[in-house]
Amino acid sequence: MAGAAGTAVALYRKLRRQAPVEDPRVEELRQRLEESRTVAEEQHEEAASQEVPVDAVTEPSPEPEPSPEPEPEPAGVEDRRRALHERARAAAEEMRGDRSDGE
């Protein structure tokens, strides 16, 4: 039993010492990675160069004209409530559609 364990340990150490075989695609992948980093840096520089320095900011444009008066609502609370309920009923009927198919 000790002999088998000793052999296994010796084999393990021998395999561990061998230099790993380098994949032929490694260099290609390293080159592509470097190219992508270069492109990313260039894009970052372009984006940063488009920023406007604080000193170069122009005066803001004048405020836009106020919109015309909204259409007047019905005067009383009851009139507003009635108008709201009429719109709600119309919307509900539109959503229900034609239910003459037996439902």
N, C-alpha and C. Protein backbone atom coordinates (compact mmCIF):
# COMPACT_ATOMS: atom_id res chain seq x y z
N MET A 1 0.82 -1.17 0.00
CA MET A 1 0.00 0.00 0.00
C MET A 1 0.88 1.26 0.00
N ALA A 2 1.91 1.25 0.80
CA ALA A 2 2.81 2.39 0.87
C ALA A 2 3.51 2.59 -0.46
N GLY A 3 3.78 1.50 -1.15
CA GLY A 3 4.45 1.60 -2.45
C GLY A 3 3.55 2.29 -3.47
N ALA A 4 2.26 2.00 -3.44
CA ALA A 4 1.31 2.62 -4.38
C ALA A 4 1.16 4.10 -4.08
N ALA A 5 1.11 4.44 -2.80
CA ALA A 5 1.00 5.84 -2.42
C ALA A 5 2.25 6.60 -2.83
N GLY A 6 3.41 6.02 -2.63
CA GLY A 6 4.67 6.66 -3.01
C GLY A 6 4.75 6.86 -4.51
N THR A 7 4.30 5.88 -5.27
CA THR A 7 4.31 5.98 -6.73
C THR A 7 3.37 7.09 -7.20
N ALA A 8 2.20 7.17 -6.56
CA ALA A 8 1.22 8.19 -6.93
C ALA A 8 1.77 9.59 -6.66
N VAL A 9 2.44 9.76 -5.50
CA VAL A 9 3.01 11.06 -5.16
C VAL A 9 4.12 11.42 -6.14
N ALA A 10 4.96 10.47 -6.49
CA ALA A 10 6.05 10.74 -7.43
C ALA A 10 5.51 11.11 -8.81
N LEU A 11 4.48 10.40 -9.25
CA LEU A 11 3.87 10.70 -10.55
C LEU A 11 3.24 12.10 -10.53
N TYR A 12 2.57 12.44 -9.43
CA TYR A 12 1.93 13.76 -9.30
C TYR A 12 2.97 14.87 -9.39
N ARG A 13 4.08 14.70 -8.69
CA ARG A 13 5.14 15.73 -8.69
C ARG A 13 5.76 15.87 -10.08
N LYS A 14 5.93 14.74 -10.76
CA LYS A 14 6.53 14.78 -12.10
C LYS A 14 5.62 15.54 -13.06
N LEU A 15 4.32 15.27 -12.99
CA LEU A 15 3.38 15.93 -13.88
C LEU A 15 3.26 17.42 -13.56
N ARG A 16 3.38 17.75 -12.31
CA ARG A 16 3.27 19.15 -11.89
C ARG A 16 4.45 19.98 -12.38
N ARG A 17 5.61 19.38 -12.49
CA ARG A 17 6.82 20.12 -12.88
C ARG A 17 6.88 20.42 -14.37
N GLN A 18 6.16 19.67 -15.17
CA GLN A 18 6.22 19.88 -16.61
C GLN A 18 5.64 21.25 -16.96
N ALA A 19 6.32 21.90 -17.87
CA ALA A 19 5.86 23.22 -18.30
C ALA A 19 4.55 23.05 -19.07
N PRO A 20 3.59 23.91 -18.79
CA PRO A 20 2.32 23.80 -19.50
C PRO A 20 2.51 24.11 -20.98
N VAL A 21 1.77 23.44 -21.81
CA VAL A 21 1.83 23.66 -23.24
C VAL A 21 1.03 24.92 -23.54
N GLU A 22 1.66 25.88 -24.21
CA GLU A 22 0.97 27.13 -24.49
C GLU A 22 0.12 26.99 -25.74
N ASP A 23 -1.07 27.46 -25.62
CA ASP A 23 -2.03 27.41 -26.72
C ASP A 23 -1.57 28.38 -27.81
N PRO A 24 -1.59 27.96 -29.07
CA PRO A 24 -1.12 28.84 -30.14
C PRO A 24 -2.01 30.08 -30.31
N ARG A 25 -3.22 30.06 -29.80
CA ARG A 25 -4.12 31.21 -29.94
C ARG A 25 -3.87 32.30 -28.91
N VAL A 26 -3.03 32.01 -27.91
CA VAL A 26 -2.80 32.95 -26.82
C VAL A 26 -2.26 34.28 -27.34
N GLU A 27 -1.26 34.23 -28.19
CA GLU A 27 -0.66 35.47 -28.68
C GLU A 27 -1.67 36.28 -29.50
N GLU A 28 -2.45 35.60 -30.31
CA GLU A 28 -3.48 36.29 -31.10
C GLU A 28 -4.49 36.98 -30.19
N LEU A 29 -4.90 36.29 -29.13
CA LEU A 29 -5.87 36.86 -28.20
C LEU A 29 -5.28 38.05 -27.45
N ARG A 30 -4.00 37.96 -27.09
CA ARG A 30 -3.35 39.09 -26.42
C ARG A 30 -3.31 40.31 -27.33
N GLN A 31 -3.02 40.09 -28.61
CA GLN A 31 -2.96 41.19 -29.57
C GLN A 31 -4.34 41.82 -29.74
N ARG A 32 -5.38 41.00 -29.85
CA ARG A 32 -6.74 41.53 -29.99
C ARG A 32 -7.16 42.33 -28.76
N LEU A 33 -6.77 41.86 -27.58
CA LEU A 33 -7.09 42.56 -26.35
C LEU A 33 -6.42 43.93 -26.32
N GLU A 34 -5.17 43.99 -26.73
CA GLU A 34 -4.45 45.26 -26.76
C GLU A 34 -5.10 46.22 -27.75
N GLU A 35 -5.51 45.72 -28.91
CA GLU A 35 -6.18 46.56 -29.90
C GLU A 35 -7.49 47.12 -29.35
N SER A 36 -8.25 46.28 -28.66
CA SER A 36 -9.53 46.75 -28.13
C SER A 36 -9.32 47.79 -27.04
N ARG A 37 -8.27 47.64 -26.26
CA ARG A 37 -7.96 48.65 -25.23
C ARG A 37 -7.60 49.98 -25.89
N THR A 38 -6.85 49.92 -26.97
CA THR A 38 -6.47 51.13 -27.68
C THR A 38 -7.71 51.83 -28.24
N VAL A 39 -8.61 51.07 -28.83
CA VAL A 39 -9.83 51.64 -29.39
C VAL A 39 -10.68 52.26 -28.28
N ALA A 40 -10.78 51.58 -27.15
CA ALA A 40 -11.56 52.11 -26.03
C ALA A 40 -10.97 53.42 -25.52
N GLU A 41 -9.65 53.49 -25.43
CA GLU A 41 -9.01 54.73 -24.99
C GLU A 41 -9.28 55.87 -25.96
N GLU A 42 -9.21 55.57 -27.27
CA GLU A 42 -9.47 56.60 -28.28
C GLU A 42 -10.91 57.10 -28.18
N GLN A 43 -11.85 56.18 -27.99
CA GLN A 43 -13.25 56.58 -27.87
C GLN A 43 -13.45 57.43 -26.63
N HIS A 44 -12.80 57.09 -25.56
CA HIS A 44 -12.92 57.87 -24.33
C HIS A 44 -12.38 59.28 -24.53
N GLU A 45 -11.24 59.38 -25.22
CA GLU A 45 -10.65 60.69 -25.49
C GLU A 45 -11.56 61.53 -26.37
N GLU A 46 -12.20 60.91 -27.37
CA GLU A 46 -13.13 61.64 -28.24
C GLU A 46 -14.31 62.16 -27.44
N ALA A 47 -14.85 61.32 -26.59
CA ALA A 47 -16.01 61.73 -25.78
C ALA A 47 -15.63 62.85 -24.83
N ALA A 48 -14.46 62.78 -24.27
CA ALA A 48 -14.02 63.81 -23.34
C ALA A 48 -13.74 65.12 -24.06
N SER A 49 -13.28 65.06 -25.28
CA SER A 49 -12.95 66.29 -26.00
C SER A 49 -14.21 67.04 -26.42
N GLN A 50 -15.36 66.41 -26.45
CA GLN A 50 -16.59 67.06 -26.84
C GLN A 50 -17.24 67.83 -25.70
N GLU A 51 -16.72 67.69 -24.51
CA GLU A 51 -17.27 68.42 -23.38
C GLU A 51 -16.93 69.90 -23.52
N VAL A 52 -17.85 70.73 -23.07
CA VAL A 52 -17.67 72.17 -23.17
C VAL A 52 -17.14 72.69 -21.84
N PRO A 53 -16.03 73.41 -21.87
CA PRO A 53 -15.52 73.97 -20.62
C PRO A 53 -16.52 74.97 -20.03
N VAL A 54 -16.49 75.13 -18.75
CA VAL A 54 -17.43 76.02 -18.06
C VAL A 54 -17.30 77.45 -18.57
N ASP A 55 -16.11 77.90 -18.87
CA ASP A 55 -15.89 79.26 -19.33
C ASP A 55 -16.53 79.52 -20.69
N ALA A 56 -16.69 78.47 -21.50
CA ALA A 56 -17.19 78.64 -22.86
C ALA A 56 -18.71 78.53 -22.95
N VAL A 57 -19.39 78.34 -21.85
CA VAL A 57 -20.84 78.21 -21.88
C VAL A 57 -21.46 79.56 -22.20
N THR A 58 -22.43 79.56 -23.10
CA THR A 58 -23.10 80.80 -23.47
C THR A 58 -24.27 81.07 -22.53
N GLU A 59 -24.79 82.25 -22.60
CA GLU A 59 -25.93 82.62 -21.78
C GLU A 59 -27.14 81.76 -22.16
N PRO A 60 -27.94 81.38 -21.19
CA PRO A 60 -29.12 80.57 -21.51
C PRO A 60 -30.11 81.37 -22.34
N SER A 61 -30.87 80.67 -23.15
CA SER A 61 -31.87 81.34 -23.97
C SER A 61 -33.00 81.84 -23.09
N PRO A 62 -33.71 82.86 -23.54
CA PRO A 62 -34.81 83.38 -22.72
C PRO A 62 -35.89 82.32 -22.52
N GLU A 63 -36.64 82.48 -21.44
CA GLU A 63 -37.68 81.49 -21.15
C GLU A 63 -38.73 81.53 -22.24
N PRO A 64 -39.30 80.37 -22.57
CA PRO A 64 -40.33 80.33 -23.61
C PRO A 64 -41.60 81.05 -23.15
N GLU A 65 -42.36 81.46 -24.12
CA GLU A 65 -43.62 82.15 -23.83
C GLU A 65 -44.53 81.21 -23.05
N PRO A 66 -45.27 81.74 -22.10
CA PRO A 66 -46.22 80.88 -21.38
C PRO A 66 -47.31 80.40 -22.33
N SER A 67 -47.78 79.18 -22.09
CA SER A 67 -48.81 78.62 -22.96
C SER A 67 -50.12 79.34 -22.72
N PRO A 68 -51.00 79.31 -23.71
CA PRO A 68 -52.28 79.99 -23.55
C PRO A 68 -53.08 79.37 -22.40
N GLU A 69 -54.05 80.12 -21.93
CA GLU A 69 -54.87 79.66 -20.81
C GLU A 69 -55.50 78.32 -21.14
N PRO A 70 -55.51 77.39 -20.16
CA PRO A 70 -56.18 76.11 -20.42
C PRO A 70 -57.68 76.34 -20.56
N GLU A 71 -58.31 75.38 -21.22
CA GLU A 71 -59.74 75.58 -21.44
C GLU A 71 -60.47 75.55 -20.10
N PRO A 72 -61.43 76.42 -19.93
CA PRO A 72 -62.09 76.54 -18.63
C PRO A 72 -62.85 75.27 -18.26
N GLU A 73 -62.76 74.92 -16.98
CA GLU A 73 -63.47 73.76 -16.48
C GLU A 73 -64.87 74.20 -16.06
N PRO A 74 -65.80 73.25 -15.97
CA PRO A 74 -67.13 73.62 -15.50
C PRO A 74 -67.03 74.28 -14.13
N ALA A 75 -67.91 75.22 -13.89
CA ALA A 75 -67.82 76.08 -12.72
C ALA A 75 -67.99 75.33 -11.40
N GLY A 76 -69.04 74.58 -11.25
CA GLY A 76 -69.32 73.99 -9.96
C GLY A 76 -68.74 72.59 -9.81
N VAL A 77 -68.67 72.16 -8.55
CA VAL A 77 -68.17 70.82 -8.25
C VAL A 77 -69.06 69.77 -8.89
N GLU A 78 -70.36 69.96 -8.81
CA GLU A 78 -71.30 68.98 -9.39
C GLU A 78 -71.13 68.90 -10.90
N ASP A 79 -70.91 70.04 -11.55
CA ASP A 79 -70.71 70.03 -13.00
C ASP A 79 -69.43 69.27 -13.37
N ARG A 80 -68.37 69.50 -12.61
CA ARG A 80 -67.10 68.78 -12.87
C ARG A 80 -67.27 67.29 -12.63
N ARG A 81 -67.96 66.92 -11.54
CA ARG A 81 -68.19 65.51 -11.24
C ARG A 81 -68.99 64.85 -12.35
N ARG A 82 -70.02 65.53 -12.82
CA ARG A 82 -70.88 64.99 -13.88
C ARG A 82 -70.07 64.79 -15.17
N ALA A 83 -69.26 65.78 -15.52
CA ALA A 83 -68.45 65.68 -16.74
C ALA A 83 -67.44 64.53 -16.62
N LEU A 84 -66.86 64.37 -15.45
CA LEU A 84 -65.91 63.29 -15.24
C LEU A 84 -66.58 61.93 -15.38
N HIS A 85 -67.76 61.79 -14.79
CA HIS A 85 -68.48 60.51 -14.88
C HIS A 85 -68.91 60.21 -16.32
N GLU A 86 -69.28 61.23 -17.06
CA GLU A 86 -69.66 61.01 -18.46
C GLU A 86 -68.46 60.50 -19.27
N ARG A 87 -67.29 61.11 -19.04
CA ARG A 87 -66.08 60.65 -19.76
C ARG A 87 -65.73 59.23 -19.35
N ALA A 88 -65.87 58.91 -18.07
CA ALA A 88 -65.55 57.56 -17.59
C ALA A 88 -66.49 56.53 -18.17
N ARG A 89 -67.79 56.85 -18.22
CA ARG A 89 -68.75 55.90 -18.80
C ARG A 89 -68.45 55.66 -20.28
N ALA A 90 -68.14 56.74 -21.00
CA ALA A 90 -67.83 56.59 -22.42
C ALA A 90 -66.58 55.73 -22.62
N ALA A 91 -65.57 55.93 -21.78
CA ALA A 91 -64.35 55.13 -21.89
C ALA A 91 -64.63 53.67 -21.56
N ALA A 92 -65.46 53.42 -20.54
CA ALA A 92 -65.78 52.04 -20.16
C ALA A 92 -66.56 51.35 -21.27
N GLU A 93 -67.51 52.04 -21.88
CA GLU A 93 -68.27 51.45 -22.98
C GLU A 93 -67.36 51.15 -24.17
N GLU A 94 -66.41 52.04 -24.43
CA GLU A 94 -65.49 51.82 -25.54
C GLU A 94 -64.61 50.60 -25.28
N MET A 95 -64.18 50.41 -24.02
CA MET A 95 -63.34 49.26 -23.69
C MET A 95 -64.13 47.96 -23.76
N ARG A 96 -65.38 48.00 -23.37
CA ARG A 96 -66.21 46.79 -23.42
C ARG A 96 -66.45 46.36 -24.85
N GLY A 97 -66.63 47.29 -25.74
CA GLY A 97 -66.87 46.99 -27.14
C GLY A 97 -68.20 46.29 -27.32
N ASP A 98 -68.35 45.60 -28.44
CA ASP A 98 -69.60 44.90 -28.77
C ASP A 98 -69.52 43.50 -28.17
N ARG A 99 -70.38 43.19 -27.21
CA ARG A 99 -70.36 41.87 -26.55
C ARG A 99 -71.56 41.05 -26.96
N SER A 100 -71.94 41.11 -28.20
CA SER A 100 -73.10 40.36 -28.66
C SER A 100 -72.76 38.93 -29.05
N ASP A 101 -71.51 38.46 -28.75
CA ASP A 101 -71.10 37.11 -29.13
C ASP A 101 -71.43 36.08 -28.05
N GLY A 102 -72.34 36.38 -27.12
CA GLY A 102 -72.81 35.39 -26.16
C GLY A 102 -72.25 35.56 -24.77
N GLU A 103 -71.43 36.52 -24.51
CA GLU A 103 -70.90 36.70 -23.16
C GLU A 103 -71.85 37.43 -22.29
